[in-house]
């Protein structure tokens, strides 16, 4: 299984927006990938776009890679606190209101898709 690059997801979002007849375009990004936030901000959080880009701040994220102990540097590999559960619930509730979901590869996004 191949994990698409952020640029591929951005291209898919642009295609969806280009085909949309809705006057208001809202993009809600729920991710634990710090690089995805940077890439989507560069693409959509600009004054020259007609997209309302939404991404919650102060959420636990990582840049991936491998930690010094040899373990994948993923958010799931780090200790969780109560705020992490609140963040996941808020993202799930927001995603459940979306008309389109681009990447559904986590339990959280699968939950939202089933709502």
Foldseek 3Di string as FASTA:
>chain_A
DDDDDLVVLLVVLVVVVVPDPDQAAEDEDDDQAPVSVVVVCVVAVDPPDRYHYHYDPPAHHDNWDADPVRHIPGPVVDDDDPVNVVSLVVVLVVLLPDPDDRDQDDPSNVSSVVD
